[in-house]
Amino acid sequence: MTLSKRRLLIAAIAVGLTSTCNALAQKKYDTGATDTEIKIGNIMPYSGPASAYGVIGKTEAAYFNKINAEGGINGRKIKFISYDDSYSPPKAVEQARKLVESDEVLLIFNPLGTPSNTAIQKYMNAKKVPQLFVATGATKWDEPKQFPWTMGWQPSYQGEARIYAKYLLKTKPDAKIAVLYQNDDFGKDYLKGLKDGLGAKSSMIIAEEGYETSEPSIDGHIVKLKASGADVFISITTPKFAAQAIKKLAEMNWTPLHILTNVSASVGGVIKPAGFENSQGILSAAYAKDGADPQWNNDPGMKKFFDFLAKYYPDANKLDGSVVYGYGAAQTMVKVLQMCGDDLTRANVMKQAASLKDFTPDTLLPGISINTSPTDFAPIKQLQMMRFKGEKWELFGDIISSE
């Protein structure tokens, strides 16, 4: 072998070794990730007082099945492990420990409920396991300094409530407001946002009634609120109780201006069961497209959503806002994992989740996008007011920032 050929051979071997070393160096895994699999945990109330939200977990499971059928994420299949906590904080703690310590997931994605997530937040951060795209709008998920492993997804409850306050101050400045709220972190967060938004005019709130999720009915609270003489009724409720409130107002012929929180604005999950005839004129705010609204029938993003349902979740109710929600959240999770490449460490998952720029899932309203940074863990910050008319919500006004 000539000297020049020997040099070429040595150079080729060196390049090969360097490439191999680089490939090995580039692949980084924490518990829950391998060359072939990414384990994602989830906690949902498939039973109990908030069981209407269980379809979110089912939608996410179906979306990950779609991703797996298309080859997975960078060649890795998602193993989605979802447990029921019945909307019970102690049960949520039990399920989080099981997912982290027994199932050894890479992260817990989109666990639902403010009380449940509050119960697991310190544990998740102590373990340094991502509690990612939490399915609640509590403000506490946007505290990257104190809780660097917890991030929300939807607009904050306080921000949404401030938008309602702005609307009332502008259109009904002499309103007498009655508030029904869930007596937990979820309800109190909305209530704080409402009072902050009304500011010096928070005395417009003339009656407040808190209810417990263990109560079978909230009828008694509604009767008390009507007796206050209020002409605005704000329903800070989860789906079961939101539907009860709509029915009770109709039964009593009480017709205040009715504002309903976004988490219970689902046509299929709340409005239809409560009765379209009882729901006319209700106000809420939205950040996602409504599967019940024909205006989106030819929208490219919603076409993808409907095609997904037809193939991977045919039993889903496309009128249910929770199905739209689950799709958008799952799409965001997939985007982050794609951004992670071959560095599937928990730290990199959080780093990429905090690096989203103008990401628009198929189901977000035009003009609304997801943006995060190392100091901003609130991905969606915009909403648009809407009014229920006929059998669907009608959007009105401009996109409003909840900040």
Protein backbone atom coordinates (compact mmCIF):
# COMPACT_ATOMS: atom_id res chain seq x y z
CA MET A 1 0.00 0.00 0.00
CA THR A 2 1.42 3.39 -0.98
CA LEU A 3 1.86 6.14 1.60
CA SER A 4 -0.90 8.24 0.05
CA LYS A 5 -3.38 5.31 0.12
CA ARG A 6 -2.49 4.58 3.76
CA ARG A 7 -3.11 8.22 4.65
CA LEU A 8 -6.48 8.14 2.89
CA LEU A 9 -7.47 4.96 4.77
CA ILE A 10 -6.44 6.43 8.14
CA ALA A 11 -8.37 9.62 7.33
CA ALA A 12 -11.48 7.62 6.38
CA ILE A 13 -11.31 5.58 9.60
CA ALA A 14 -10.88 8.80 11.61
CA VAL A 15 -13.92 10.37 9.93
CA GLY A 16 -15.94 7.19 10.59
CA LEU A 17 -14.95 7.12 14.25
CA THR A 18 -15.74 10.83 14.64
CA SER A 19 -19.17 10.38 13.05
CA THR A 20 -19.94 7.40 15.31
CA CYS A 21 -18.80 9.29 18.40
CA ASN A 22 -20.87 12.33 17.39
CA ALA A 23 -23.95 10.16 16.81
CA LEU A 24 -23.51 8.56 20.22
CA ALA A 25 -22.86 11.92 21.83
CA GLN A 26 -25.96 13.46 20.28
CA LYS A 27 -28.32 10.84 21.73
CA LYS A 28 -29.14 11.69 25.33
CA TYR A 29 -31.87 9.99 27.31
CA ASP A 30 -33.45 10.26 30.73
CA THR A 31 -35.77 7.67 32.25
CA GLY A 32 -38.74 7.16 29.93
CA ALA A 33 -36.95 7.57 26.60
CA THR A 34 -35.00 5.12 24.41
CA ASP A 35 -34.05 4.69 20.76
CA THR A 36 -37.52 3.28 20.11
CA GLU A 37 -39.93 4.73 22.68
CA ILE A 38 -41.03 7.84 24.59
CA LYS A 39 -43.16 7.19 27.68
CA ILE A 40 -45.65 9.96 28.47
CA GLY A 41 -47.82 9.93 31.61
CA ASN A 42 -51.20 11.62 32.05
CA ILE A 43 -53.82 12.06 34.80
CA MET A 44 -57.50 12.69 33.92
CA PRO A 45 -60.85 12.64 35.76
CA TYR A 46 -62.40 9.75 33.83
CA SER A 47 -64.85 9.44 36.72
CA GLY A 48 -66.21 11.79 39.39
CA PRO A 49 -67.66 15.33 39.22
CA ALA A 50 -65.43 16.47 36.34
CA SER A 51 -65.68 13.30 34.24
CA ALA A 52 -66.92 15.32 31.24
CA TYR A 53 -63.26 16.23 30.72
CA GLY A 54 -62.25 12.57 30.32
CA VAL A 55 -62.60 12.87 26.54
CA ILE A 56 -59.49 15.08 26.57
CA GLY A 57 -57.37 12.07 27.59
CA LYS A 58 -59.11 9.86 25.03
CA THR A 59 -58.49 12.42 22.28
CA GLU A 60 -54.82 12.67 23.23
CA ALA A 61 -54.44 8.88 23.20
CA ALA A 62 -55.99 8.81 19.71
CA TYR A 63 -53.68 11.62 18.50
CA PHE A 64 -50.59 9.80 19.72
CA ASN A 65 -51.88 6.65 17.96
CA LYS A 66 -51.99 8.74 14.77
CA ILE A 67 -48.40 9.93 15.31
CA ASN A 68 -47.25 6.35 15.95
CA ALA A 69 -49.01 5.09 12.80
CA GLU A 70 -47.13 7.75 10.83
CA GLY A 71 -43.77 6.55 12.14
CA GLY A 72 -43.57 8.20 15.55
CA ILE A 73 -41.35 11.11 16.56
CA ASN A 74 -37.86 10.92 15.09
CA GLY A 75 -38.44 7.17 14.77
CA ARG A 76 -39.67 6.70 18.37
CA LYS A 77 -43.18 5.54 19.26
CA ILE A 78 -45.12 7.25 22.04
CA LYS A 79 -46.34 5.07 24.89
CA PHE A 80 -49.16 7.06 26.50
CA ILE A 81 -50.12 5.96 30.04
CA SER A 82 -53.23 7.72 31.33
CA TYR A 83 -54.76 7.19 34.79
CA ASP A 84 -58.02 8.28 36.44
CA ASP A 85 -57.88 10.47 39.56
CA SER A 86 -61.66 11.13 39.81
CA TYR A 87 -60.81 14.85 40.25
CA SER A 88 -59.45 13.96 43.70
CA PRO A 89 -56.14 15.57 44.81
CA PRO A 90 -55.04 12.61 47.01
CA LYS A 91 -55.72 10.24 44.13
CA ALA A 92 -53.77 12.53 41.77
CA VAL A 93 -50.73 12.31 44.09
CA GLU A 94 -51.01 8.52 44.08
CA GLN A 95 -51.21 8.40 40.28
CA ALA A 96 -48.32 10.85 39.81
CA ARG A 97 -46.08 8.73 42.04
CA LYS A 98 -47.10 5.62 40.12
CA LEU A 99 -46.30 7.23 36.76
CA VAL A 100 -42.92 8.60 37.89
CA GLU A 101 -41.70 5.79 40.16
CA SER A 102 -43.30 2.63 38.72
CA ASP A 103 -44.05 3.38 35.07
CA GLU A 104 -40.93 5.57 34.82
CA VAL A 105 -42.36 8.08 32.35
CA LEU A 106 -40.25 10.85 30.83
CA LEU A 107 -42.86 13.45 31.79
CA ILE A 108 -46.47 13.96 32.85
CA PHE A 109 -48.40 15.74 30.12
CA ASN A 110 -51.65 17.74 30.42
CA PRO A 111 -52.78 16.46 33.83
CA LEU A 112 -56.22 17.98 34.46
CA GLY A 113 -57.63 20.05 37.29
CA THR A 114 -56.36 22.89 39.45
CA PRO A 115 -56.74 21.04 42.80
CA SER A 116 -55.06 17.89 41.41
CA ASN A 117 -52.15 19.75 39.84
CA THR A 118 -51.65 21.86 42.95
CA ALA A 119 -51.37 18.61 44.92
CA ILE A 120 -48.60 17.20 42.67
CA GLN A 121 -46.70 20.39 41.77
CA LYS A 122 -44.12 20.29 44.58
CA TYR A 123 -43.54 16.55 44.06
CA MET A 124 -42.99 16.95 40.32
CA ASN A 125 -40.55 19.83 40.83
CA ALA A 126 -38.67 18.01 43.59
CA LYS A 127 -38.31 15.00 41.26
CA LYS A 128 -37.38 17.31 38.34
CA VAL A 129 -39.96 15.64 36.10
CA PRO A 130 -41.85 17.91 33.64
CA GLN A 131 -45.46 18.63 34.62
CA LEU A 132 -46.08 19.91 31.14
CA PHE A 133 -48.97 21.78 29.51
CA VAL A 134 -51.13 21.46 32.61
CA ALA A 135 -54.86 21.30 31.74
CA THR A 136 -56.02 24.17 33.92
CA GLY A 137 -55.69 27.92 33.60
CA ALA A 138 -54.50 28.66 37.13
CA THR A 139 -51.94 31.47 37.21
CA LYS A 140 -49.55 29.42 39.35
CA TRP A 141 -48.37 27.35 36.35
CA ASP A 142 -46.50 30.42 35.08
CA GLU A 143 -43.87 30.68 37.82
CA PRO A 144 -40.67 29.44 36.13
CA LYS A 145 -38.39 30.66 38.91
CA GLN A 146 -40.24 28.87 41.70
CA PHE A 147 -41.53 25.89 39.68
CA PRO A 148 -39.24 25.38 36.66
CA TRP A 149 -40.74 21.93 35.87
CA THR A 150 -44.39 23.07 35.63
CA MET A 151 -45.94 24.83 32.61
CA GLY A 152 -49.55 25.58 31.67
CA TRP A 153 -51.11 25.56 28.20
CA GLN A 154 -54.44 27.41 27.99
CA PRO A 155 -55.04 31.10 28.85
CA SER A 156 -55.00 31.84 32.58
CA TYR A 157 -58.29 31.97 34.48
CA GLN A 158 -57.38 35.35 35.95
CA GLY A 159 -56.58 36.70 32.49
CA GLU A 160 -59.88 35.42 31.08
CA ALA A 161 -61.83 36.90 34.01
CA ARG A 162 -60.11 40.28 33.47
CA ILE A 163 -61.44 40.22 29.88
CA TYR A 164 -65.02 39.76 31.21
CA ALA A 165 -64.44 42.62 33.65
CA LYS A 166 -63.23 44.85 30.79
CA TYR A 167 -66.30 43.92 28.76
CA LEU A 168 -68.72 44.71 31.61
CA LEU A 169 -67.04 48.01 32.49
CA LYS A 170 -67.39 49.07 28.85
CA THR A 171 -70.90 47.78 28.04
CA LYS A 172 -72.70 47.58 31.40
CA PRO A 173 -70.91 49.90 33.85
CA ASP A 174 -73.87 49.93 36.28
CA ALA A 175 -74.16 46.13 36.40
CA LYS A 176 -75.13 44.31 39.59
CA ILE A 177 -73.12 41.09 39.42
CA ALA A 178 -73.86 37.73 41.06
CA VAL A 179 -71.08 35.11 40.97
CA LEU A 180 -71.39 31.35 41.34
CA TYR A 181 -67.93 29.84 41.79
CA GLN A 182 -66.42 26.46 42.52
CA ASN A 183 -65.00 26.71 46.05
CA ASP A 184 -61.44 25.61 45.26
CA ASP A 185 -58.29 26.98 43.61
CA PHE A 186 -60.00 26.92 40.19
CA GLY A 187 -62.96 29.05 41.26
CA LYS A 188 -60.96 31.41 43.48
CA ASP A 189 -58.46 32.11 40.68
CA TYR A 190 -61.25 33.27 38.35
CA LEU A 191 -62.85 35.30 41.14
CA LYS A 192 -59.57 37.09 41.85
CA GLY A 193 -59.12 37.92 38.16
CA LEU A 194 -62.67 39.30 38.01
CA LYS A 195 -62.16 41.52 41.06
CA ASP A 196 -58.73 42.67 39.85
CA GLY A 197 -60.24 43.50 36.46
CA LEU A 198 -63.11 45.50 37.99
CA GLY A 199 -60.60 47.28 40.22
CA ALA A 200 -62.20 50.24 41.99
CA LYS A 201 -65.60 49.06 40.76
CA SER A 202 -65.43 45.57 42.30
CA SER A 203 -68.41 46.64 44.44
CA MET A 204 -70.44 45.84 41.28
CA ILE A 205 -70.31 42.27 42.64
CA ILE A 206 -73.30 42.22 44.99
CA ALA A 207 -73.49 38.46 45.66
CA GLU A 208 -71.12 35.48 45.70
CA GLU A 209 -71.95 31.81 46.21
CA GLY A 210 -69.29 29.09 46.45
CA TYR A 211 -70.24 25.44 45.86
CA GLU A 212 -68.39 22.19 46.57
CA THR A 213 -67.81 19.62 43.82
CA SER A 214 -69.30 16.99 46.15
CA GLU A 215 -72.70 18.74 46.06
CA PRO A 216 -75.19 16.89 43.84
CA SER A 217 -76.91 20.13 42.80
CA ILE A 218 -76.24 23.87 42.89
CA ASP A 219 -79.92 24.88 42.64
CA GLY A 220 -80.01 26.35 46.17
CA HIS A 221 -77.10 28.65 45.36
CA ILE A 222 -78.82 29.90 42.20
CA VAL A 223 -82.01 30.71 44.16
CA LYS A 224 -79.97 32.83 46.62
CA LEU A 225 -78.17 34.66 43.79
CA LYS A 226 -81.43 35.51 42.04
CA ALA A 227 -82.78 36.95 45.29
CA SER A 228 -79.87 39.44 45.34
CA GLY A 229 -81.45 41.38 42.48
CA ALA A 230 -78.40 40.96 40.23
CA ASP A 231 -78.73 41.61 36.49
CA VAL A 232 -75.45 39.84 35.56
CA PHE A 233 -74.74 36.21 36.42
CA ILE A 234 -71.18 34.90 36.14
CA SER A 235 -70.86 31.12 36.21
CA ILE A 236 -67.37 30.01 37.31
CA THR A 237 -68.16 26.32 37.03
CA THR A 238 -67.02 23.00 35.60
CA PRO A 239 -69.28 21.34 32.96
CA LYS A 240 -71.71 19.38 35.17
CA PHE A 241 -72.53 22.43 37.29
CA ALA A 242 -72.49 24.85 34.34
CA ALA A 243 -75.25 22.81 32.67
CA GLN A 244 -77.22 22.68 35.94
CA ALA A 245 -76.99 26.47 36.28
CA ILE A 246 -78.24 27.11 32.73
CA LYS A 247 -81.23 24.81 33.32
CA LYS A 248 -82.04 26.35 36.73
CA LEU A 249 -81.97 29.93 35.39
CA ALA A 250 -84.47 28.91 32.68
CA GLU A 251 -86.66 27.07 35.18
CA MET A 252 -86.85 30.20 37.38
CA ASN A 253 -87.32 32.57 34.41
CA TRP A 254 -84.29 34.51 35.61
CA THR A 255 -82.75 36.28 32.61
CA PRO A 256 -79.63 38.17 33.69
CA LEU A 257 -76.72 38.69 31.30
CA HIS A 258 -75.08 35.27 31.68
CA ILE A 259 -71.29 34.91 31.38
CA LEU A 260 -69.88 31.39 31.29
CA THR A 261 -66.20 30.49 31.72
CA ASN A 262 -64.39 29.04 28.71
CA VAL A 263 -63.75 25.70 30.46
CA SER A 264 -67.51 25.05 30.33
CA ALA A 265 -68.33 26.58 26.95
CA SER A 266 -68.46 23.21 25.14
CA VAL A 267 -71.53 22.94 22.91
CA GLY A 268 -71.61 19.14 23.11
CA GLY A 269 -70.53 18.82 26.75
CA VAL A 270 -72.57 21.64 28.35
CA ILE A 271 -74.84 23.70 26.08
CA LYS A 272 -76.65 20.88 24.29
CA PRO A 273 -77.35 18.90 27.50
CA ALA A 274 -78.60 22.11 29.16
CA GLY A 275 -80.82 22.87 26.15
CA PHE A 276 -80.15 25.18 23.22
CA GLU A 277 -83.37 27.05 24.02
CA ASN A 278 -82.04 27.79 27.54
CA SER A 279 -78.63 28.98 26.34
CA GLN A 280 -79.44 31.81 23.95
CA GLY A 281 -77.37 34.95 24.52
CA ILE A 282 -74.86 33.45 26.96
CA LEU A 283 -71.43 35.11 26.69
CA SER A 284 -68.00 33.50 26.98
CA ALA A 285 -64.53 33.84 25.45
CA ALA A 286 -62.63 31.49 23.17
CA TYR A 287 -59.13 30.79 21.90
CA ALA A 288 -59.97 27.65 19.89
CA LYS A 289 -62.20 26.99 16.90
CA ASP A 290 -65.57 25.39 17.57
CA GLY A 291 -66.19 22.03 15.90
CA ALA A 292 -69.92 22.81 15.92
CA ASP A 293 -69.48 25.98 13.87
CA PRO A 294 -69.92 25.52 10.08
CA GLN A 295 -67.71 28.57 9.42
CA TRP A 296 -64.70 26.27 9.99
CA ASN A 297 -65.87 23.50 7.64
CA ASN A 298 -63.41 24.56 4.93
CA ASP A 299 -60.66 25.72 7.30
CA PRO A 300 -57.45 23.76 6.51
CA GLY A 301 -56.64 23.17 10.18
CA MET A 302 -60.13 21.97 11.05
CA LYS A 303 -60.20 19.74 7.97
CA LYS A 304 -57.13 17.98 9.42
CA PHE A 305 -58.91 17.76 12.77
CA PHE A 306 -62.07 16.24 11.25
CA ASP A 307 -59.99 13.79 9.18
CA PHE A 308 -58.17 12.76 12.37
CA LEU A 309 -61.48 12.12 14.16
CA ALA A 310 -62.83 10.08 11.26
CA LYS A 311 -59.80 7.81 11.20
CA TYR A 312 -58.54 7.64 14.79
CA TYR A 313 -61.45 8.63 17.07
CA PRO A 314 -64.72 8.05 15.17
CA ASP A 315 -66.76 7.85 18.40
CA ALA A 316 -65.76 11.38 19.42
CA ASN A 317 -68.35 14.14 19.57
CA LYS A 318 -66.95 16.89 17.33
CA LEU A 319 -69.27 19.36 19.10
CA ASP A 320 -67.42 18.80 22.36
CA GLY A 321 -64.87 21.55 22.98
CA SER A 322 -62.83 19.13 25.10
CA VAL A 323 -62.06 17.09 21.95
CA VAL A 324 -60.74 20.23 20.22
CA TYR A 325 -58.74 21.01 23.37
CA GLY A 326 -57.13 17.56 23.58
CA TYR A 327 -56.11 17.71 19.92
CA GLY A 328 -54.44 21.13 20.28
CA ALA A 329 -52.61 20.18 23.46
CA ALA A 330 -51.37 16.88 21.98
CA GLN A 331 -50.20 18.67 18.85
CA THR A 332 -48.18 21.06 21.03
CA MET A 333 -46.63 18.16 22.93
CA VAL A 334 -45.60 16.48 19.67
CA LYS A 335 -44.05 19.74 18.44
CA VAL A 336 -41.89 19.98 21.59
CA LEU A 337 -40.74 16.35 21.30
CA GLN A 338 -39.83 16.93 17.66
CA MET A 339 -37.79 19.97 18.70
CA CYS A 340 -35.95 17.80 21.26
CA GLY A 341 -34.40 15.69 18.47
CA ASP A 342 -32.18 13.01 20.03
CA ASP A 343 -31.76 14.87 23.33
CA LEU A 344 -34.67 13.37 25.21
CA THR A 345 -33.65 14.51 28.67
CA ARG A 346 -36.19 16.06 31.00
CA ALA A 347 -34.19 19.29 31.09
CA ASN A 348 -34.22 19.55 27.30
CA VAL A 349 -37.96 18.85 27.16
CA MET A 350 -38.52 21.88 29.41
CA LYS A 351 -35.97 23.93 27.44
CA GLN A 352 -37.78 23.26 24.16
CA ALA A 353 -41.22 23.80 25.73
CA ALA A 354 -39.92 27.24 26.79
CA SER A 355 -38.75 27.99 23.22
CA LEU A 356 -42.02 27.92 21.26
CA LYS A 357 -42.37 30.79 18.80
CA ASP A 358 -45.63 31.55 16.98
CA PHE A 359 -46.66 27.89 17.01
CA THR A 360 -50.24 27.48 15.80
CA PRO A 361 -52.01 24.16 16.41
CA ASP A 362 -54.69 23.43 13.80
CA THR A 363 -57.48 24.28 16.24
CA LEU A 364 -56.50 27.76 17.52
CA LEU A 365 -58.46 30.80 16.34
CA PRO A 366 -56.84 32.89 13.59
CA GLY A 367 -54.56 35.49 15.16
CA ILE A 368 -53.83 33.38 18.25
CA SER A 369 -50.51 31.55 18.58
CA ILE A 370 -48.34 29.86 21.20
CA ASN A 371 -45.27 31.66 22.49
CA THR A 372 -43.06 30.79 25.45
CA SER A 373 -39.66 31.74 26.83
CA PRO A 374 -37.51 30.80 29.86
CA THR A 375 -39.31 33.57 31.78
CA ASP A 376 -42.78 33.05 30.27
CA PHE A 377 -44.53 29.73 30.94
CA ALA A 378 -47.98 30.91 29.73
CA PRO A 379 -48.27 29.60 26.15
CA ILE A 380 -51.66 31.08 25.13
CA LYS A 381 -52.52 34.63 26.19
CA GLN A 382 -55.27 35.76 23.80
CA LEU A 383 -59.03 35.25 23.63
CA GLN A 384 -62.03 36.54 21.68
CA MET A 385 -65.49 37.22 23.10
CA MET A 386 -68.38 35.08 21.81
CA ARG A 387 -72.18 34.89 22.18
CA PHE A 388 -74.33 31.76 21.91
CA LYS A 389 -76.95 32.00 19.18
CA GLY A 390 -79.06 29.24 17.66
CA GLU A 391 -76.94 26.13 18.06
CA LYS A 392 -73.47 27.67 18.00
CA TRP A 393 -71.18 30.33 19.39
CA GLU A 394 -70.72 33.52 17.37
CA LEU A 395 -67.40 35.32 17.81
CA PHE A 396 -67.45 39.11 18.06
CA GLY A 397 -64.98 41.93 18.65
CA ASP A 398 -61.22 41.81 18.39
CA ILE A 399 -58.72 39.28 19.70
CA ILE A 400 -57.98 40.52 23.24
CA SER A 401 -54.79 39.87 25.20
CA SER A 402 -55.49 38.48 28.66
CA GLU A 403 -52.29 40.00 30.02
